[in-house]
């Protein structure tokens, strides 16, 4: 059984390591061969075509005879319900099962057929996840609005700027690829970050 691991975190402060280590351990106990790990640091609300690592994984599994994609939880695939379901549909069409560790469910059964119960659960879970994210954003916005109405100011203080080490620490993925000799364009594709951000980090590294 040949499998790949998909791991996503939203910010540079978070780490993929725990997700990946636990999935590798699970695969080992099952006797599955982990042939590749795909890590990305990007918001799960992004559309699939804005996630270069996800696109790379899809391309890889299509041509490398992969049986399963392992993820720690459904939100690691994404938080946009429509985009998550698109990804699962694409996997289904290629007879590749998605295994979701925290719920211990798979999208396909042993015969490679769609598991109706799992499909139903996935639809509910992605919808709930997106609803929670929307509610959180709404509460944050409401809090900001209330704060402003009472005379508060939101944003950086005048004259504030992040120091070099802080910026490099927040963009470790960019630093890694630049030190590998990747071009600015490639780094943008690999990290999903803007040209301005990549250029800024490149300039700091050359100082």
Protein backbone atom coordinates (compact mmCIF):
# COMPACT_ATOMS: atom_id res chain seq x y z
CA UNK A 1 0.00 0.00 0.00
CA UNK A 2 1.65 3.23 -1.20
CA UNK A 3 0.56 6.40 0.57
CA UNK A 4 1.43 10.08 0.77
CA UNK A 5 0.95 12.42 3.71
CA UNK A 6 -0.65 15.84 3.34
CA UNK A 7 -0.02 18.33 6.14
CA UNK A 8 -1.05 21.98 6.33
CA UNK A 9 -0.69 24.73 8.91
CA UNK A 10 -2.02 28.25 8.62
CA UNK A 11 0.94 30.23 9.93
CA UNK A 12 4.72 29.99 10.13
CA UNK A 13 4.41 29.86 13.92
CA UNK A 14 2.65 26.50 13.73
CA UNK A 15 4.51 23.33 12.80
CA UNK A 16 3.65 20.34 10.64
CA UNK A 17 5.99 18.00 12.53
CA UNK A 18 3.49 16.56 15.02
CA UNK A 19 0.91 15.84 12.32
CA UNK A 20 3.49 14.18 10.11
CA UNK A 21 5.15 12.10 12.87
CA UNK A 22 1.82 10.69 14.06
CA UNK A 23 0.71 9.86 10.52
CA UNK A 24 4.04 8.17 9.77
CA UNK A 25 3.72 6.13 12.94
CA UNK A 26 0.17 5.10 12.01
CA UNK A 27 1.23 4.15 8.48
CA UNK A 28 4.11 2.06 9.85
CA UNK A 29 1.76 0.13 12.13
CA UNK A 30 -0.53 -0.54 9.17
CA UNK A 31 2.35 -1.65 6.96
CA UNK A 32 1.81 1.21 4.51
CA UNK A 33 4.73 2.71 2.61
CA UNK A 34 4.94 6.50 2.92
CA UNK A 35 6.49 7.52 -0.39
CA UNK A 36 6.24 11.30 -0.03
CA UNK A 37 5.20 14.03 2.42
CA UNK A 38 3.61 17.27 1.26
CA UNK A 39 3.88 20.17 3.72
CA UNK A 40 2.36 23.59 3.25
CA UNK A 41 2.00 26.76 5.28
CA UNK A 42 -1.03 28.54 3.93
CA UNK A 43 -4.55 29.49 4.91
CA UNK A 44 -7.04 26.67 4.46
CA UNK A 45 -9.53 29.21 3.13
CA UNK A 46 -7.53 29.61 -0.07
CA UNK A 47 -8.86 28.16 -3.31
CA UNK A 48 -7.15 25.00 -4.55
CA UNK A 49 -5.52 26.78 -7.50
CA UNK A 50 -3.92 29.21 -5.03
CA UNK A 51 -2.21 26.37 -3.15
CA UNK A 52 0.91 25.26 -5.07
CA UNK A 53 1.80 22.43 -2.67
CA UNK A 54 -1.70 20.93 -2.92
CA UNK A 55 -1.51 21.17 -6.72
CA UNK A 56 1.89 19.48 -6.63
CA UNK A 57 0.45 16.64 -4.54
CA UNK A 58 -2.49 16.13 -6.91
CA UNK A 59 -0.13 15.97 -9.90
CA UNK A 60 2.15 13.55 -8.05
CA UNK A 61 -0.50 11.07 -7.00
CA UNK A 62 -1.97 10.94 -10.50
CA UNK A 63 1.22 9.53 -12.00
CA UNK A 64 2.84 7.58 -9.14
CA UNK A 65 0.31 4.84 -8.34
CA UNK A 66 -0.65 6.14 -4.91
CA UNK A 67 -3.35 4.25 -2.99
CA UNK A 68 -4.15 6.69 -0.19
CA UNK A 69 -3.65 10.24 0.99
CA UNK A 70 -3.28 10.54 4.76
CA UNK A 71 -4.21 13.69 6.66
CA UNK A 72 -4.49 14.38 10.36
CA UNK A 73 -7.90 16.07 10.19
CA UNK A 74 -10.20 17.33 7.46
CA UNK A 75 -9.31 20.98 8.05
CA UNK A 76 -5.74 20.15 6.95
CA UNK A 77 -7.15 19.58 3.46
CA UNK A 78 -8.85 22.98 3.69
CA UNK A 79 -11.57 25.04 5.37
CA UNK A 80 -13.43 26.02 2.23
CA UNK A 81 -16.17 23.40 1.86
CA UNK A 82 -16.41 23.63 -1.91
CA UNK A 83 -12.65 23.34 -2.44
CA UNK A 84 -12.34 20.40 -0.01
CA UNK A 85 -15.11 18.52 -1.80
CA UNK A 86 -13.45 19.27 -5.15
CA UNK A 87 -10.22 17.73 -3.87
CA UNK A 88 -12.00 14.63 -2.59
CA UNK A 89 -13.90 14.25 -5.86
CA UNK A 90 -10.62 14.43 -7.77
CA UNK A 91 -9.13 11.74 -5.52
CA UNK A 92 -12.23 9.58 -5.95
CA UNK A 93 -12.01 9.85 -9.74
CA UNK A 94 -8.44 8.53 -9.53
CA UNK A 95 -9.44 5.72 -7.12
CA UNK A 96 -7.34 7.22 -4.33
CA UNK A 97 -8.79 7.10 -0.83
CA UNK A 98 -8.47 9.98 1.62
CA UNK A 99 -7.82 8.74 5.16
CA UNK A 100 -8.72 11.24 7.92
CA UNK A 101 -6.89 10.19 11.09
CA UNK A 102 -8.78 11.98 13.85
CA UNK A 103 -12.11 10.52 12.67
CA UNK A 104 -10.61 7.25 11.42
CA UNK A 105 -12.63 7.40 8.20
CA UNK A 106 -11.82 6.83 4.54
CA UNK A 107 -13.56 8.18 1.49
CA UNK A 108 -13.29 4.89 -0.45
CA UNK A 109 -13.88 1.33 0.67
CA UNK A 110 -11.55 -1.62 0.07
CA UNK A 111 -12.99 -2.13 -3.44
CA UNK A 112 -12.21 1.47 -4.40
CA UNK A 113 -15.85 2.49 -4.27
CA UNK A 114 -17.12 5.68 -2.66
CA UNK A 115 -18.08 5.13 0.98
CA UNK A 116 -21.49 6.85 1.25
CA UNK A 117 -21.35 7.25 5.04
CA UNK A 118 -17.86 8.78 4.92
CA UNK A 119 -18.91 11.08 2.08
CA UNK A 120 -21.87 12.26 4.14
CA UNK A 121 -19.68 12.86 7.21
CA UNK A 122 -17.12 14.77 5.15
CA UNK A 123 -19.81 17.09 3.79
CA UNK A 124 -21.11 17.80 7.30
CA UNK A 125 -17.64 18.30 8.80
CA UNK A 126 -16.47 20.68 6.10
CA UNK A 127 -19.66 22.71 6.36
CA UNK A 128 -19.36 22.94 10.14
CA UNK A 129 -15.69 23.92 9.88
CA UNK A 130 -16.47 26.71 7.41
CA UNK A 131 -19.40 27.92 9.53
CA UNK A 132 -17.16 28.09 12.62
CA UNK A 133 -14.54 30.06 10.70
CA UNK A 134 -17.19 32.50 9.46
CA UNK A 135 -18.52 32.98 12.99
CA UNK A 136 -15.04 33.63 14.36
CA UNK A 137 -14.37 36.24 11.68
CA UNK A 138 -17.73 37.85 12.43
CA UNK A 139 -16.98 38.06 16.16
CA UNK A 140 -13.54 39.54 15.52
CA UNK A 141 -14.98 42.15 13.17
CA UNK A 142 -17.70 42.99 15.69
CA UNK A 143 -15.06 43.41 18.39
CA UNK A 144 -12.96 45.71 16.21
CA UNK A 145 -16.01 47.79 15.27
CA UNK A 146 -17.00 48.17 18.91
CA UNK A 147 -13.43 49.11 19.87
CA UNK A 148 -13.24 51.76 17.14
CA UNK A 149 -16.61 53.25 18.12
CA UNK A 150 -15.24 53.75 21.62
CA UNK A 151 -12.24 55.66 20.32
CA UNK A 152 -9.80 52.79 19.98
CA UNK A 153 -7.28 52.53 17.16
CA UNK A 154 -6.51 49.25 15.43
CA UNK A 155 -3.24 48.59 13.65
CA UNK A 156 0.45 49.19 14.15
CA UNK A 157 1.65 52.16 16.11
CA UNK A 158 3.11 55.00 14.06
CA UNK A 159 6.77 54.32 13.35
CA UNK A 160 6.48 50.62 14.18
CA UNK A 161 8.42 48.13 12.09
CA UNK A 162 9.38 44.52 12.66
CA UNK A 163 13.06 43.76 13.21
CA UNK A 164 15.02 41.54 10.87
CA UNK A 165 15.01 38.40 13.04
CA UNK A 166 11.26 38.61 13.63
CA UNK A 167 10.54 38.84 9.89
CA UNK A 168 12.88 35.98 9.03
CA UNK A 169 11.31 33.88 11.78
CA UNK A 170 7.84 34.53 10.43
CA UNK A 171 8.84 33.52 6.90
CA UNK A 172 11.00 30.45 7.46
CA UNK A 173 9.58 28.79 4.38
CA UNK A 174 10.74 31.67 2.15
CA UNK A 175 14.16 31.67 3.81
CA UNK A 176 14.52 27.92 3.23
CA UNK A 177 13.76 28.10 -0.48
CA UNK A 178 15.87 31.21 -1.10
CA UNK A 179 18.85 29.54 0.57
CA UNK A 180 18.30 26.58 -1.77
CA UNK A 181 18.84 28.99 -4.65
CA UNK A 182 15.21 29.07 -5.80
CA UNK A 183 14.09 32.05 -7.86
CA UNK A 184 11.66 34.61 -6.48
CA UNK A 185 8.97 33.30 -8.86
CA UNK A 186 9.47 29.70 -7.71
CA UNK A 187 9.43 30.72 -4.05
CA UNK A 188 6.13 32.53 -4.63
CA UNK A 189 4.66 29.35 -6.15
CA UNK A 190 6.00 27.09 -3.40
CA UNK A 191 4.88 29.28 -0.49
CA UNK A 192 1.81 31.01 -1.89
CA UNK A 193 3.22 34.35 -0.74
CA UNK A 194 3.39 37.65 -2.60
CA UNK A 195 6.29 38.97 -4.66
CA UNK A 196 6.69 41.89 -2.25
CA UNK A 197 7.08 39.59 0.75
CA UNK A 198 9.58 37.31 -0.99
CA UNK A 199 11.59 40.29 -2.25
CA UNK A 200 11.65 41.78 1.25
CA UNK A 201 13.00 38.56 2.78
CA UNK A 202 15.55 38.19 -0.02
CA UNK A 203 16.79 41.71 0.66
CA UNK A 204 17.08 41.00 4.40
CA UNK A 205 19.11 37.84 3.72
CA UNK A 206 21.56 39.80 1.61
CA UNK A 207 22.14 42.42 4.33
